[in-house]
Amino acid sequence: MSLIMITSVLLITGCGGGTSIGEGLPGDQPRLQLAELIKTPEKYNEKTFIVEGKVSSQCPMLCDFVLTDGTDSVTIYSQDFKFPKMAIGTPVTVY
């Protein structure tokens, strides 16, 4: 089993605009589908990239959440901060 670690920036979007946690999204990073990451994780080892999806669940202690992109999912863990409470289905962008 491969472990894909995605950290650093979270952008939460919705009807009322967006909330950003972290330092912002660089414009020059590739946007990937989770299917590509799962298919060839070695290709992205120690690389930076952006993934987008929706929140499908969240830890009650706000320490992680599951990002779902179509039929694929990945757990996103925080580093040095807690995530805000997010409703299921909230669109998120992670760098």
C-alpha atoms as a PDB file:
ATOM      1  CA  MET A   1       0.000   0.000   0.000  1.00  0.00           C
ATOM      2  CA  SER A   2       1.297   3.448  -0.895  1.00  0.00           C
ATOM      3  CA  LEU A   3       1.105   6.416   1.424  1.00  0.00           C
ATOM      4  CA  ILE A   4       0.630   9.734  -0.304  1.00  0.00           C
ATOM      5  CA  MET A   5       1.357  12.644   2.014  1.00  0.00           C
ATOM      6  CA  ILE A   6      -0.215  15.917   1.030  1.00  0.00           C
ATOM      7  CA  THR A   7       0.475  18.850   3.309  1.00  0.00           C
ATOM      8  CA  SER A   8       0.893  22.587   3.504  1.00  0.00           C
ATOM      9  CA  VAL A   9      -2.053  24.562   2.142  1.00  0.00           C
ATOM     10  CA  LEU A  10      -5.788  24.033   2.249  1.00  0.00           C
ATOM     11  CA  LEU A  11      -8.267  26.240   0.417  1.00  0.00           C
ATOM     12  CA  ILE A  12     -11.889  25.737   1.401  1.00  0.00           C
ATOM     13  CA  THR A  13     -14.390  27.116  -1.081  1.00  0.00           C
ATOM     14  CA  GLY A  14     -18.119  27.414  -1.101  1.00  0.00           C
ATOM     15  CA  CYS A  15     -20.990  29.780  -1.785  1.00  0.00           C
ATOM     16  CA  GLY A  16     -19.635  32.454   0.545  1.00  0.00           C
ATOM     17  CA  GLY A  17     -16.166  32.632  -1.007  1.00  0.00           C
ATOM     18  CA  GLY A  18     -13.074  30.850   0.241  1.00  0.00           C
ATOM     19  CA  THR A  19     -11.070  30.357   3.390  1.00  0.00           C
ATOM     20  CA  SER A  20      -7.351  29.721   3.123  1.00  0.00           C
ATOM     21  CA  ILE A  21      -5.180  27.939   5.668  1.00  0.00           C
ATOM     22  CA  GLY A  22      -1.455  28.119   5.049  1.00  0.00           C
ATOM     23  CA  GLU A  23       0.571  30.315   2.732  1.00  0.00           C
ATOM     24  CA  GLY A  24      -1.529  30.379  -0.433  1.00  0.00           C
ATOM     25  CA  LEU A  25      -1.532  28.427  -3.667  1.00  0.00           C
ATOM     26  CA  PRO A  26       1.331  28.975  -6.108  1.00  0.00           C
ATOM     27  CA  GLY A  27       0.155  29.421  -9.682  1.00  0.00           C
ATOM     28  CA  ASP A  28       2.836  27.248 -11.258  1.00  0.00           C
ATOM     29  CA  GLN A  29       1.995  23.909  -9.633  1.00  0.00           C
ATOM     30  CA  PRO A  30       0.364  21.065 -11.584  1.00  0.00           C
ATOM     31  CA  ARG A  31      -3.194  20.080 -10.686  1.00  0.00           C
ATOM     32  CA  LEU A  32      -3.583  16.315 -10.450  1.00  0.00           C
ATOM     33  CA  GLN A  33      -6.384  13.813 -10.087  1.00  0.00           C
ATOM     34  CA  LEU A  34      -6.088  11.331  -7.217  1.00  0.00           C
ATOM     35  CA  ALA A  35      -6.316   8.479  -9.728  1.00  0.00           C
ATOM     36  CA  GLU A  36      -2.987   9.580 -11.249  1.00  0.00           C
ATOM     37  CA  LEU A  37      -1.338   9.797  -7.815  1.00  0.00           C
ATOM     38  CA  ILE A  38      -2.586   6.346  -6.866  1.00  0.00           C
ATOM     39  CA  LYS A  39      -1.540   4.854 -10.211  1.00  0.00           C
ATOM     40  CA  THR A  40       2.052   6.182 -10.142  1.00  0.00           C
ATOM     41  CA  PRO A  41       2.914   7.453  -6.634  1.00  0.00           C
ATOM     42  CA  GLU A  42       6.662   7.138  -7.257  1.00  0.00           C
ATOM     43  CA  LYS A  43       6.380   9.773  -9.990  1.00  0.00           C
ATOM     44  CA  TYR A  44       5.204  12.345  -7.423  1.00  0.00           C
ATOM     45  CA  ASN A  45       7.448  11.427  -4.489  1.00  0.00           C
ATOM     46  CA  GLU A  46       8.911  14.618  -2.994  1.00  0.00           C
ATOM     47  CA  LYS A  47       7.110  16.743  -5.622  1.00  0.00           C
ATOM     48  CA  THR A  48       4.606  19.513  -5.028  1.00  0.00           C
ATOM     49  CA  PHE A  49       1.193  19.594  -6.697  1.00  0.00           C
ATOM     50  CA  ILE A  50      -2.429  20.576  -6.159  1.00  0.00           C
ATOM     51  CA  VAL A  51      -5.438  18.280  -5.756  1.00  0.00           C
ATOM     52  CA  GLU A  52      -9.087  19.269  -5.599  1.00  0.00           C
ATOM     53  CA  GLY A  53     -12.096  17.427  -4.304  1.00  0.00           C
ATOM     54  CA  LYS A  54     -14.771  17.445  -1.657  1.00  0.00           C
ATOM     55  CA  VAL A  55     -14.766  16.625   2.039  1.00  0.00           C
ATOM     56  CA  SER A  56     -16.304  13.178   2.549  1.00  0.00           C
ATOM     57  CA  SER A  57     -15.575  12.883   6.298  1.00  0.00           C
ATOM     58  CA  GLN A  58     -13.665  14.660   9.038  1.00  0.00           C
ATOM     59  CA  CYS A  59     -12.056  13.657  12.320  1.00  0.00           C
ATOM     60  CA  PRO A  60     -14.147  14.896  15.284  1.00  0.00           C
ATOM     61  CA  MET A  61     -10.951  16.412  16.758  1.00  0.00           C
ATOM     62  CA  LEU A  62     -10.415  18.340  13.457  1.00  0.00           C
ATOM     63  CA  CYS A  63      -6.990  16.711  12.959  1.00  0.00           C
ATOM     64  CA  ASP A  64      -7.702  15.294   9.489  1.00  0.00           C
ATOM     65  CA  PHE A  65     -10.327  14.934   6.786  1.00  0.00           C
ATOM     66  CA  VAL A  66     -10.950  12.710   3.794  1.00  0.00           C
ATOM     67  CA  LEU A  67     -10.778  14.391   0.381  1.00  0.00           C
ATOM     68  CA  THR A  68     -12.742  12.556  -2.307  1.00  0.00           C
ATOM     69  CA  ASP A  69     -12.111  13.121  -5.994  1.00  0.00           C
ATOM     70  CA  GLY A  70     -14.636  11.081  -7.976  1.00  0.00           C
ATOM     71  CA  THR A  71     -14.243   7.499  -6.729  1.00  0.00           C
ATOM     72  CA  ASP A  72     -10.798   7.992  -5.132  1.00  0.00           C
ATOM     73  CA  SER A  73     -10.132   9.288  -1.620  1.00  0.00           C
ATOM     74  CA  VAL A  74      -7.144  10.345   0.461  1.00  0.00           C
ATOM     75  CA  THR A  75      -6.850  11.346   4.107  1.00  0.00           C
ATOM     76  CA  ILE A  76      -5.382  14.817   4.588  1.00  0.00           C
ATOM     77  CA  TYR A  77      -3.519  15.339   7.882  1.00  0.00           C
ATOM     78  CA  SER A  78      -2.733  18.768   9.273  1.00  0.00           C
ATOM     79  CA  GLN A  79       0.700  19.988  10.233  1.00  0.00           C
ATOM     80  CA  ASP A  80       0.895  22.360  13.195  1.00  0.00           C
ATOM     81  CA  PHE A  81      -2.749  23.481  12.987  1.00  0.00           C
ATOM     82  CA  LYS A  82      -6.303  22.186  13.268  1.00  0.00           C
ATOM     83  CA  PHE A  83      -8.661  22.237  10.340  1.00  0.00           C
ATOM     84  CA  PRO A  84     -11.883  24.185  10.695  1.00  0.00           C
ATOM     85  CA  LYS A  85     -15.105  22.214  10.975  1.00  0.00           C
ATOM     86  CA  MET A  86     -16.120  21.391   7.399  1.00  0.00           C
ATOM     87  CA  ALA A  87     -19.445  20.095   6.173  1.00  0.00           C
ATOM     88  CA  ILE A  88     -19.569  16.938   4.076  1.00  0.00           C
ATOM     89  CA  GLY A  89     -19.428  17.977   0.432  1.00  0.00           C
ATOM     90  CA  THR A  90     -17.376  21.151   1.016  1.00  0.00           C
ATOM     91  CA  PRO A  91     -15.123  21.763  -2.020  1.00  0.00           C
ATOM     92  CA  VAL A  92     -11.442  21.892  -1.033  1.00  0.00           C
ATOM     93  CA  THR A  93      -8.139  22.497  -2.797  1.00  0.00           C
ATOM     94  CA  VAL A  94      -4.959  21.113  -1.229  1.00  0.00           C
ATOM     95  CA  TYR A  95      -1.349  21.966  -2.113  1.00  0.00           C
END
